[in-house]
Protein backbone atom coordinates (compact mmCIF):
# COMPACT_ATOMS: atom_id res chain seq x y z
CA UNK A 1 104.94 13.50 191.48
CA UNK A 2 106.37 15.37 194.44
CA UNK A 3 104.15 13.46 196.83
CA UNK A 4 105.23 10.21 195.22
CA UNK A 5 108.88 11.14 195.71
CA UNK A 6 108.36 11.94 199.37
CA UNK A 7 106.81 8.53 199.96
CA UNK A 8 109.87 6.70 198.63
CA UNK A 9 112.02 5.15 201.31
CA UNK A 10 115.73 5.73 200.92
CA UNK A 11 116.40 2.64 203.03
CA UNK A 12 114.87 0.54 200.28
CA UNK A 13 116.65 2.28 197.42
CA UNK A 14 118.83 -0.75 196.67
CA UNK A 15 115.69 -2.88 196.50
CA UNK A 16 114.18 -0.53 193.92
CA UNK A 17 117.36 -0.63 191.85
CA UNK A 18 117.51 -4.42 192.03
CA UNK A 19 113.95 -4.75 190.76
CA UNK A 20 114.83 -2.69 187.67
CA UNK A 21 118.10 -4.57 187.13
CA UNK A 22 116.10 -7.78 186.86
CA UNK A 23 114.12 -6.44 183.86
CA UNK A 24 115.78 -7.71 180.63
CA UNK A 25 116.84 -4.78 178.46
CA UNK A 26 116.23 -2.12 181.11
CA UNK A 27 119.07 0.45 181.09
CA UNK A 28 120.05 -0.41 184.66
CA UNK A 29 120.22 -4.06 183.68
CA UNK A 30 122.56 -3.23 180.79
CA UNK A 31 124.75 -0.95 182.90
CA UNK A 32 125.03 -3.69 185.55
CA UNK A 33 125.94 -6.38 183.02
CA UNK A 34 128.69 -4.12 181.66
CA UNK A 35 130.08 -3.66 185.16
CA UNK A 36 129.97 -7.40 185.75
CA UNK A 37 131.91 -8.02 182.53
CA UNK A 38 134.56 -5.46 183.51
CA UNK A 39 134.78 -6.84 187.04
CA UNK A 40 135.37 -10.38 185.82
CA UNK A 41 138.03 -9.21 183.39
CA UNK A 42 139.90 -7.18 186.00
CA UNK A 43 139.76 -10.06 188.45
CA UNK A 44 140.95 -12.63 185.93
CA UNK A 45 143.98 -10.53 184.94
CA UNK A 46 144.78 -9.00 188.33
CA UNK A 47 147.30 -11.57 189.56
CA UNK A 48 149.08 -11.71 186.23
CA UNK A 49 149.73 -7.99 186.01
CA UNK A 50 150.37 -7.32 189.69
CA UNK A 51 153.07 -10.01 189.68
CA UNK A 52 154.58 -8.57 186.53
CA UNK A 53 154.52 -5.01 187.82
CA UNK A 54 156.03 -6.10 191.13
CA UNK A 55 158.84 -7.89 189.33
CA UNK A 56 159.62 -5.12 186.86
CA UNK A 57 159.39 -2.40 189.51
CA UNK A 58 161.89 -4.18 191.78
CA UNK A 59 159.59 -3.89 194.82
CA UNK A 60 159.47 -7.52 195.93
CA UNK A 61 161.55 -8.28 199.02
CA UNK A 62 163.89 -5.36 198.42
CA UNK A 63 165.44 -7.10 195.40
CA UNK A 64 166.08 -5.33 192.15
CA UNK A 65 164.10 -6.51 189.18
CA UNK A 66 166.95 -8.48 187.62
CA UNK A 67 167.48 -10.48 190.84
CA UNK A 68 163.75 -11.02 191.23
CA UNK A 69 163.31 -12.32 187.69
CA UNK A 70 166.37 -14.54 187.98
CA UNK A 71 165.39 -16.12 191.33
CA UNK A 72 161.74 -16.60 190.36
CA UNK A 73 162.70 -18.38 187.14
CA UNK A 74 160.72 -15.89 185.10
CA UNK A 75 157.86 -13.50 185.63
CA UNK A 76 155.23 -15.31 187.69
CA UNK A 77 151.82 -15.41 186.05
CA UNK A 78 152.91 -13.47 183.00
CA UNK A 79 152.96 -16.33 180.55
CA UNK A 80 154.32 -15.54 177.13
CA UNK A 81 156.20 -12.42 178.21
CA UNK A 82 159.57 -13.94 179.19
CA UNK A 83 162.26 -15.60 177.15
CA UNK A 84 163.88 -19.02 177.65
CA UNK A 85 166.32 -17.59 180.21
CA UNK A 86 163.49 -16.16 182.31
CA UNK A 87 164.27 -12.55 181.37
CA UNK A 88 161.40 -10.35 180.16
CA UNK A 89 160.61 -10.49 176.48
CA UNK A 90 160.24 -6.74 176.18
CA UNK A 91 158.61 -6.70 172.76
CA UNK A 92 156.02 -9.27 173.90
CA UNK A 93 155.39 -7.17 177.00
CA UNK A 94 154.73 -4.10 174.89
CA UNK A 95 152.28 -6.00 172.72
CA UNK A 96 150.52 -7.37 175.81
CA UNK A 97 150.21 -3.94 177.40
CA UNK A 98 148.97 -2.41 174.16
CA UNK A 99 146.26 -5.06 173.86
CA UNK A 100 145.36 -4.64 177.54
CA UNK A 101 144.98 -0.86 177.27
CA UNK A 102 142.83 -1.19 174.15
CA UNK A 103 140.58 -3.57 176.07
CA UNK A 104 140.21 -1.25 179.05
CA UNK A 105 139.72 1.83 176.89
CA UNK A 106 136.78 0.15 175.16
CA UNK A 107 134.94 0.33 178.49
CA UNK A 108 134.86 4.13 178.26
CA UNK A 109 131.62 3.72 176.28
CA UNK A 110 130.07 2.88 179.66
CA UNK A 111 131.34 6.14 181.14
CA UNK A 112 130.16 8.11 178.11
CA UNK A 113 126.62 6.76 178.50
CA UNK A 114 126.56 7.74 182.17
CA UNK A 115 127.73 11.25 181.30
CA UNK A 116 125.17 11.69 178.54
CA UNK A 117 122.14 9.92 179.99
CA UNK A 118 122.29 9.78 183.79
CA UNK A 119 124.28 12.63 185.35
CA UNK A 120 122.56 15.55 183.52
CA UNK A 121 119.06 14.23 184.27
CA UNK A 122 119.85 13.86 187.98
CA UNK A 123 121.32 17.35 188.11
CA UNK A 124 118.81 19.30 186.01
CA UNK A 125 115.47 17.69 186.84
CA UNK A 126 116.08 16.30 190.32
CA UNK A 127 118.63 18.83 191.60
CA UNK A 128 121.09 16.08 192.59
CA UNK A 129 124.50 17.39 191.52
CA UNK A 130 126.84 15.15 193.55
CA UNK A 131 127.31 12.42 190.90
CA UNK A 132 127.88 14.92 188.10
CA UNK A 133 130.46 16.82 190.15
CA UNK A 134 132.32 13.85 191.62
CA UNK A 135 131.72 10.64 189.63
CA UNK A 136 131.76 12.40 186.27
CA UNK A 137 135.14 13.91 187.14
CA UNK A 138 136.51 10.49 188.11
CA UNK A 139 135.16 8.97 184.88
CA UNK A 140 137.03 11.61 182.90
CA UNK A 141 140.22 11.08 184.91
CA UNK A 142 140.07 7.34 184.20
CA UNK A 143 139.61 8.00 180.49
CA UNK A 144 142.40 10.59 180.50
CA UNK A 145 144.83 8.23 182.26
CA UNK A 146 144.07 5.39 179.86
CA UNK A 147 144.56 7.78 176.95
CA UNK A 148 147.87 9.06 178.33
CA UNK A 149 149.17 5.52 178.83
CA UNK A 150 148.11 4.61 175.30
CA UNK A 151 149.83 7.68 173.85
CA UNK A 152 153.02 6.98 175.78
CA UNK A 153 153.05 3.43 174.49
CA UNK A 154 152.40 4.54 170.91
CA UNK A 155 154.94 7.35 170.85
CA UNK A 156 157.77 5.43 172.45
CA UNK A 157 156.98 2.22 170.59
CA UNK A 158 157.65 3.83 167.22
CA UNK A 159 161.26 2.72 167.57
CA UNK A 160 160.25 -0.93 168.04
CA UNK A 161 159.57 -1.95 164.46
CA UNK A 162 159.39 -5.49 163.18
CA UNK A 163 162.24 -6.50 160.87
CA UNK A 164 161.29 -8.22 157.66
CA UNK A 165 162.05 -11.92 157.68
CA UNK A 166 164.07 -12.05 154.47
CA UNK A 167 166.13 -15.10 155.40
CA UNK A 168 169.29 -13.07 154.78
CA UNK A 169 172.01 -12.32 157.29
CA UNK A 170 171.38 -9.18 159.35
CA UNK A 171 173.68 -6.26 158.72
CA UNK A 172 175.38 -4.32 161.50
CA UNK A 173 172.66 -1.64 161.59
CA UNK A 174 169.91 -4.24 162.06
CA UNK A 175 171.82 -6.04 164.80
CA UNK A 176 172.40 -2.77 166.60
CA UNK A 177 168.70 -1.98 166.26
CA UNK A 178 167.63 -5.34 167.73
CA UNK A 179 169.89 -4.78 170.72
CA UNK A 180 168.23 -1.42 171.33
CA UNK A 181 164.69 -2.84 171.32
CA UNK A 182 165.00 -4.02 174.92
CA UNK A 183 166.20 -0.57 175.98
CA UNK A 184 163.29 1.11 174.23
CA UNK A 185 160.72 -1.24 175.75
CA UNK A 186 162.26 -1.05 179.21
CA UNK A 187 162.13 2.74 179.06
CA UNK A 188 158.39 2.57 178.40
CA UNK A 189 157.54 0.02 181.08
CA UNK A 190 159.14 2.05 183.84
CA UNK A 191 158.01 2.25 187.44
CA UNK A 192 155.95 5.42 186.89
CA UNK A 193 154.10 3.94 183.92
CA UNK A 194 153.33 0.69 185.72
CA UNK A 195 152.12 2.45 188.88
CA UNK A 196 149.71 4.55 186.83
CA UNK A 197 148.52 1.46 185.05
CA UNK A 198 147.71 -0.40 188.28
CA UNK A 199 146.16 2.74 189.77
CA UNK A 200 143.71 3.15 186.89
CA UNK A 201 142.66 -0.48 187.19
CA UNK A 202 141.93 0.09 190.88
CA UNK A 203 139.90 3.22 190.11
CA UNK A 204 137.80 1.30 187.61
CA UNK A 205 137.09 -1.32 190.28
CA UNK A 206 136.15 1.37 192.77
CA UNK A 207 133.78 2.99 190.27
CA UNK A 208 131.91 -0.30 189.84
CA UNK A 209 131.24 -0.29 193.59
CA UNK A 210 130.15 3.38 193.60
CA UNK A 211 127.75 2.86 190.70
CA UNK A 212 126.12 -0.22 192.21
CA UNK A 213 125.77 1.26 195.70
CA UNK A 214 125.23 4.96 195.04
CA UNK A 215 124.48 5.98 191.45
CA UNK A 216 122.15 3.20 190.29
CA UNK A 217 120.02 3.18 193.47
CA UNK A 218 119.78 6.97 193.28
CA UNK A 219 118.58 6.84 189.68
CA UNK A 220 116.13 4.03 190.48
CA UNK A 221 114.68 6.14 193.26
CA UNK A 222 114.19 9.27 191.14
CA UNK A 223 113.68 8.49 187.45
CA UNK A 224 110.18 7.98 186.08
CA UNK A 225 109.34 5.14 183.69
CA UNK A 226 109.07 7.45 180.66
CA UNK A 227 112.57 8.75 181.43
CA UNK A 228 113.96 5.20 181.55
CA UNK A 229 112.26 4.60 178.18
CA UNK A 230 114.01 7.65 176.73
CA UNK A 231 117.33 6.43 178.14
CA UNK A 232 116.66 2.99 176.63
CA UNK A 233 116.13 4.39 173.14
CA UNK A 234 119.08 6.80 173.38
CA UNK A 235 121.34 3.94 174.50
CA UNK A 236 120.88 2.30 171.11
CA UNK A 237 123.17 4.93 169.56
CA UNK A 238 126.18 3.66 171.52
CA UNK A 239 128.47 0.77 170.64
CA UNK A 240 128.31 -2.42 172.66
CA UNK A 241 130.49 -2.13 175.76
CA UNK A 242 132.68 -5.10 176.73
CA UNK A 243 130.63 -7.29 174.36
CA UNK A 244 127.41 -6.56 176.28
CA UNK A 245 124.73 -5.96 173.66
CA UNK A 246 121.60 -3.94 174.41
CA UNK A 247 118.85 -6.47 175.08
CA UNK A 248 115.24 -5.76 174.10
CA UNK A 249 113.16 -4.10 176.80
CA UNK A 250 109.79 -5.47 175.84
CA UNK A 251 107.67 -2.92 177.68
CA UNK A 252 109.53 0.02 176.15
CA UNK A 253 109.26 -1.40 172.64
CA UNK A 254 105.55 -2.10 173.05
CA UNK A 255 104.81 1.51 173.97
CA UNK A 256 105.95 2.52 170.51
CA UNK A 257 107.26 5.69 172.04
CA UNK A 258 110.61 7.26 171.33
CA UNK A 259 112.04 10.52 172.70
CA UNK A 260 110.88 12.29 169.54
CA UNK A 261 107.31 11.12 170.12
CA UNK A 262 107.36 12.18 173.76
CA UNK A 263 108.35 15.69 172.71
CA UNK A 264 105.90 15.71 169.79
CA UNK A 265 103.07 14.82 172.14
CA UNK A 266 104.13 17.56 174.54
CA UNK A 267 104.38 20.13 171.73
CA UNK A 268 101.00 19.05 170.36
CA UNK A 269 99.43 19.58 173.78
CA UNK A 270 100.98 23.03 174.04
CA UNK A 271 99.82 23.97 170.53
CA UNK A 272 96.33 22.75 171.29
CA UNK A 273 96.16 24.89 174.41
CA UNK A 274 97.36 27.95 172.52
CA UNK A 275 94.91 27.23 169.71
CA UNK A 276 91.94 26.93 172.05
CA UNK A 277 92.82 30.27 173.60
CA UNK A 278 92.84 31.99 170.20
CA UNK A 279 89.95 30.19 168.53
CA UNK A 280 87.17 32.54 169.59
CA UNK A 281 88.96 35.73 168.50
CA UNK A 282 89.98 34.05 165.25
CA UNK A 283 86.38 33.17 164.44
CA UNK A 284 85.26 36.73 165.14
CA UNK A 285 88.05 38.07 162.97
CA UNK A 286 87.15 35.80 160.06
CA UNK A 287 83.48 36.75 160.36
CA UNK A 288 84.42 40.41 160.32
CA UNK A 289 86.50 40.12 157.15
CA UNK A 290 84.16 37.87 155.15
CA UNK A 291 80.61 38.46 156.33
CA UNK A 292 79.72 41.22 153.84
CA UNK A 293 81.70 39.89 150.86
CA UNK A 294 80.09 38.28 147.81
CA UNK A 295 80.22 34.50 147.45
CA UNK A 296 83.77 33.34 146.64
CA UNK A 297 85.30 36.68 147.54
CA UNK A 298 86.34 35.40 150.97
CA UNK A 299 88.47 32.69 149.36
CA UNK A 300 90.00 35.20 146.95
CA UNK A 301 90.87 37.53 149.83
CA UNK A 302 92.41 34.67 151.78
CA UNK A 303 94.55 33.67 148.80
CA UNK A 304 95.64 37.26 148.27
CA UNK A 305 96.56 37.61 151.92
CA UNK A 306 98.62 34.43 151.78
CA UNK A 307 100.51 35.70 148.72
CA UNK A 308 101.32 38.98 150.46
CA UNK A 309 102.45 37.13 153.58
CA UNK A 310 104.56 34.83 151.40
CA UNK A 311 106.35 37.79 149.90
CA UNK A 312 106.89 39.26 153.34
CA UNK A 313 108.32 35.95 154.50
CA UNK A 314 110.73 35.89 151.58
CA UNK A 315 111.91 39.39 152.40
CA UNK A 316 112.75 38.26 155.90
CA UNK A 317 109.95 40.17 157.68
CA UNK A 318 108.23 37.01 158.85
CA UNK A 319 109.90 34.20 160.76
CA UNK A 320 107.34 31.52 159.89
CA UNK A 321 105.93 30.29 156.61
CA UNK A 322 102.25 30.95 155.87
CA UNK A 323 102.36 27.53 154.21
CA UNK A 324 103.50 25.77 157.37
CA UNK A 325 100.34 23.67 157.34
CA UNK A 326 101.21 22.54 153.84
CA UNK A 327 104.69 21.43 154.97
CA UNK A 328 106.27 24.33 153.06
CA UNK A 329 108.85 26.50 154.82
CA UNK A 330 109.46 29.91 153.24
CA UNK A 331 112.93 31.39 153.73
CA UNK A 332 114.84 34.33 152.21
CA UNK A 333 116.85 31.93 150.06
CA UNK A 334 113.89 29.90 148.79
CA UNK A 335 111.42 27.40 150.15
CA UNK A 336 111.55 23.76 151.16
CA UNK A 337 109.15 21.16 152.38
CA UNK A 338 109.77 20.03 155.95
CA UNK A 339 110.83 16.52 154.89
CA UNK A 340 113.23 18.01 152.33
CA UNK A 341 114.83 20.28 154.93
CA UNK A 342 115.25 17.38 157.38
CA UNK A 343 116.78 15.14 154.69
CA UNK A 344 119.12 17.91 153.56
CA UNK A 345 120.39 18.61 157.09
CA UNK A 346 120.91 14.90 157.70
CA UNK A 347 122.83 14.56 154.42
CA UNK A 348 125.43 17.17 155.32
CA UNK A 349 128.73 15.47 156.30
CA UNK A 350 128.75 17.50 159.51
CA UNK A 351 127.44 16.87 163.02
CA UNK A 352 125.26 19.89 163.86
CA UNK A 353 124.08 21.18 167.22
CA UNK A 354 122.14 24.40 167.75
CA UNK A 355 121.87 26.04 171.18
CA UNK A 356 119.46 28.98 171.47
CA UNK A 357 120.09 32.36 173.11
CA UNK A 358 118.86 30.99 176.44
CA UNK A 359 121.57 28.25 176.37
CA UNK A 360 119.03 25.50 175.66
CA UNK A 361 119.79 22.62 173.25
CA UNK A 362 117.23 22.94 170.45
CA UNK A 363 118.43 20.84 167.52
CA UNK A 364 120.74 18.00 166.50
CA UNK A 365 120.79 16.60 163.00
CA UNK A 366 120.25 12.86 162.80
CA UNK A 367 122.56 10.01 161.86
CA UNK A 368 125.62 8.24 163.32
CA UNK A 369 127.77 10.59 165.38
CA UNK A 370 131.29 10.45 166.74
CA UNK A 371 130.25 12.84 169.51
CA UNK A 372 127.03 11.37 170.87
CA UNK A 373 124.03 13.65 171.32
CA UNK A 374 121.17 11.87 173.09
CA UNK A 375 117.69 13.07 172.22
CA UNK A 376 117.08 13.47 175.96
CA UNK A 377 119.37 16.50 175.84
CA UNK A 378 116.92 18.43 173.67
CA UNK A 379 115.28 21.28 175.66
CA UNK A 380 117.95 20.89 178.35
CA UNK A 381 120.52 23.54 179.29
CA UNK A 382 123.70 22.96 177.32
CA UNK A 383 126.00 23.37 180.33
CA UNK A 384 124.47 20.37 182.08
CA UNK A 385 125.53 18.16 179.17
CA UNK A 386 129.24 18.72 179.76
CA UNK A 387 131.52 17.27 182.46
CA UNK A 388 132.71 19.64 185.21
CA UNK A 389 136.16 20.20 183.71
CA UNK A 390 134.69 21.26 180.33
CA UNK A 391 131.73 23.33 181.54
CA UNK A 392 133.79 26.50 182.32
CA UNK A 393 135.19 26.54 178.77
CA UNK A 394 131.70 26.15 177.26
CA UNK A 395 130.38 28.98 179.42
CA UNK A 396 133.28 31.22 178.37
CA UNK A 397 132.80 30.54 174.65
CA UNK A 398 129.05 31.19 174.70
CA UNK A 399 129.55 34.22 176.96
CA UNK A 400 132.02 35.73 174.48
CA UNK A 401 129.61 35.07 171.61
CA UNK A 402 126.79 36.74 173.52
CA UNK A 403 128.94 39.79 174.35
CA UNK A 404 130.17 40.10 170.75
CA UNK A 405 133.79 39.42 171.70
CA UNK A 406 134.11 36.45 169.34
CA UNK A 407 132.28 34.99 166.37
CA UNK A 408 133.98 31.61 166.03
CA UNK A 409 136.15 29.23 168.05
CA UNK A 410 137.78 26.33 166.12
CA UNK A 411 139.14 23.37 168.05
CA UNK A 412 141.18 20.58 166.48
CA UNK A 413 141.13 17.20 168.17
CA UNK A 414 141.71 13.52 167.55
CA UNK A 415 139.17 10.83 168.38
CA UNK A 416 139.40 7.17 167.47
CA UNK A 417 142.60 7.85 165.57
CA UNK A 418 140.89 10.38 163.27
CA UNK A 419 141.33 14.17 163.10
CA UNK A 420 138.25 16.33 163.72
CA UNK A 421 137.57 20.04 163.46
CA UNK A 422 134.99 21.25 165.98
CA UNK A 423 133.79 24.76 165.19
CA UNK A 424 131.69 26.82 167.59
CA UNK A 425 130.02 29.73 165.80
CA UNK A 426 127.90 32.60 167.04
CA UNK A 427 124.56 32.76 165.22
CA UNK A 428 123.28 36.31 164.72
CA UNK A 429 120.26 37.80 162.94
CA UNK A 430 120.34 40.62 160.39
CA UNK A 431 120.52 43.18 163.17
CA UNK A 432 123.52 41.27 164.61
CA UNK A 433 121.55 40.23 167.68
CA UNK A 434 122.82 37.00 169.24
CA UNK A 435 120.27 34.22 168.68
CA UNK A 436 122.33 31.15 169.59
CA UNK A 437 125.43 29.03 169.07
CA UNK A 438 126.08 26.50 166.31
CA UNK A 439 128.47 23.61 166.82
CA UNK A 440 129.71 21.82 163.70
CA UNK A 441 131.91 18.72 163.87
CA UNK A 442 133.72 17.69 160.69
CA UNK A 443 135.80 14.56 160.08
CA UNK A 444 139.00 15.84 158.48
CA UNK A 445 140.46 12.45 157.52
CA UNK A 446 139.97 13.02 153.77
CA UNK A 447 141.43 16.52 153.99
CA UNK A 448 144.45 15.22 155.90
CA UNK A 449 145.04 12.46 153.34
CA UNK A 450 144.60 14.89 150.44
CA UNK A 451 147.28 17.25 151.72
CA UNK A 452 149.53 14.38 152.75
CA UNK A 453 149.54 13.17 149.16
CA UNK A 454 149.87 16.72 147.82
CA UNK A 455 152.92 17.62 149.91
CA UNK A 456 154.41 14.21 149.19
CA UNK A 457 154.38 15.22 145.53
CA UNK A 458 155.36 18.83 146.25
CA UNK A 459 157.93 18.65 149.08
CA UNK A 460 159.35 21.99 148.06
CA UNK A 461 156.19 23.70 149.37
CA UNK A 462 156.56 22.38 152.89
């Protein structure tokens, strides 16, 4: 593989990327189509919003925004956001900006896929850390800015509520409220807000260029076909981005391989090598124990040995079931078949991740996840799976677990409008030795609603 990498010509890296982009369903093809969709959207709305921002910010020709709107006969290119007198319809503007931000924020799925599937592989396997240190940071800054703008809109827009159309005359309070709507909206769409909005649009455009000319060619130059296949299958766990659905990559589907099968094949090869190294001594051992025994006694001895080992396993002295070949896993609390254990872990209403004592991702339970965990991340160092700004915190948490300074770190957060509790827990054996870290993500929507209803009925307890 190393020789093959040395033969690759960096001058032709764009050619290599282009050849992969032309394959229907290939991950680079999907990434490129998503960028094209975003680029077209930004271009089609650019004039409309730049004209609006220029007018509202009072930057055009040194005129203030009132003079600009009056002399232009309305906000140029911002159809539907001015009234009959050409003054801004502030409530319509708020609605338009809210819809616009929701549209742009939906593109963050694209950035999430890059962070989960491309950056870590470049950094860990190919020792190319530039994209993960620079582009990943910019991706996060874009997402953060879009989130901050959305929060500012939401928080300040709470005062702009629609009045019920009852057909009755408005009272003084309602008339006063309507007069204040323009003030509320104008306070939101201030110069600072609008500058940040235009800036984030520009950064998204710049990222399209960087991906097409730096990141994608770099990945095309380095990644092997089996790695693209793994990326293809992992990509299926993500929502469609900007209405670009994952197309079928015929070659990948025909291989019948998924990330789980790649790892299973690798583990099988390793087990076979270990088995071949032990086979001779095992045969000698079996001959030694059974050669002089009467007929049938060998089987009886084997059964007796298995029973003793089973009891030892239940007492916690053995880490592996003697019935492993039968699909039975013996544990101190009982025993389960492998398929039962898998089904049970997947049924838990919790997203589980286990990282071993060497900081390697070892297990994710299956099923839909709010926090995506690509199968490619299995057997990869956990730190490489986090963006630069988060990595120091992850290192600190695991370091404190390892040193015995902490046993649990709970973090409350909101994602997609829902509350989540993310708990990081130190996993220790009976001797209190650190064996790894467990992450458990729980959707707390039902809990929140339960207590909301409870305290609504029992306000005295608040």
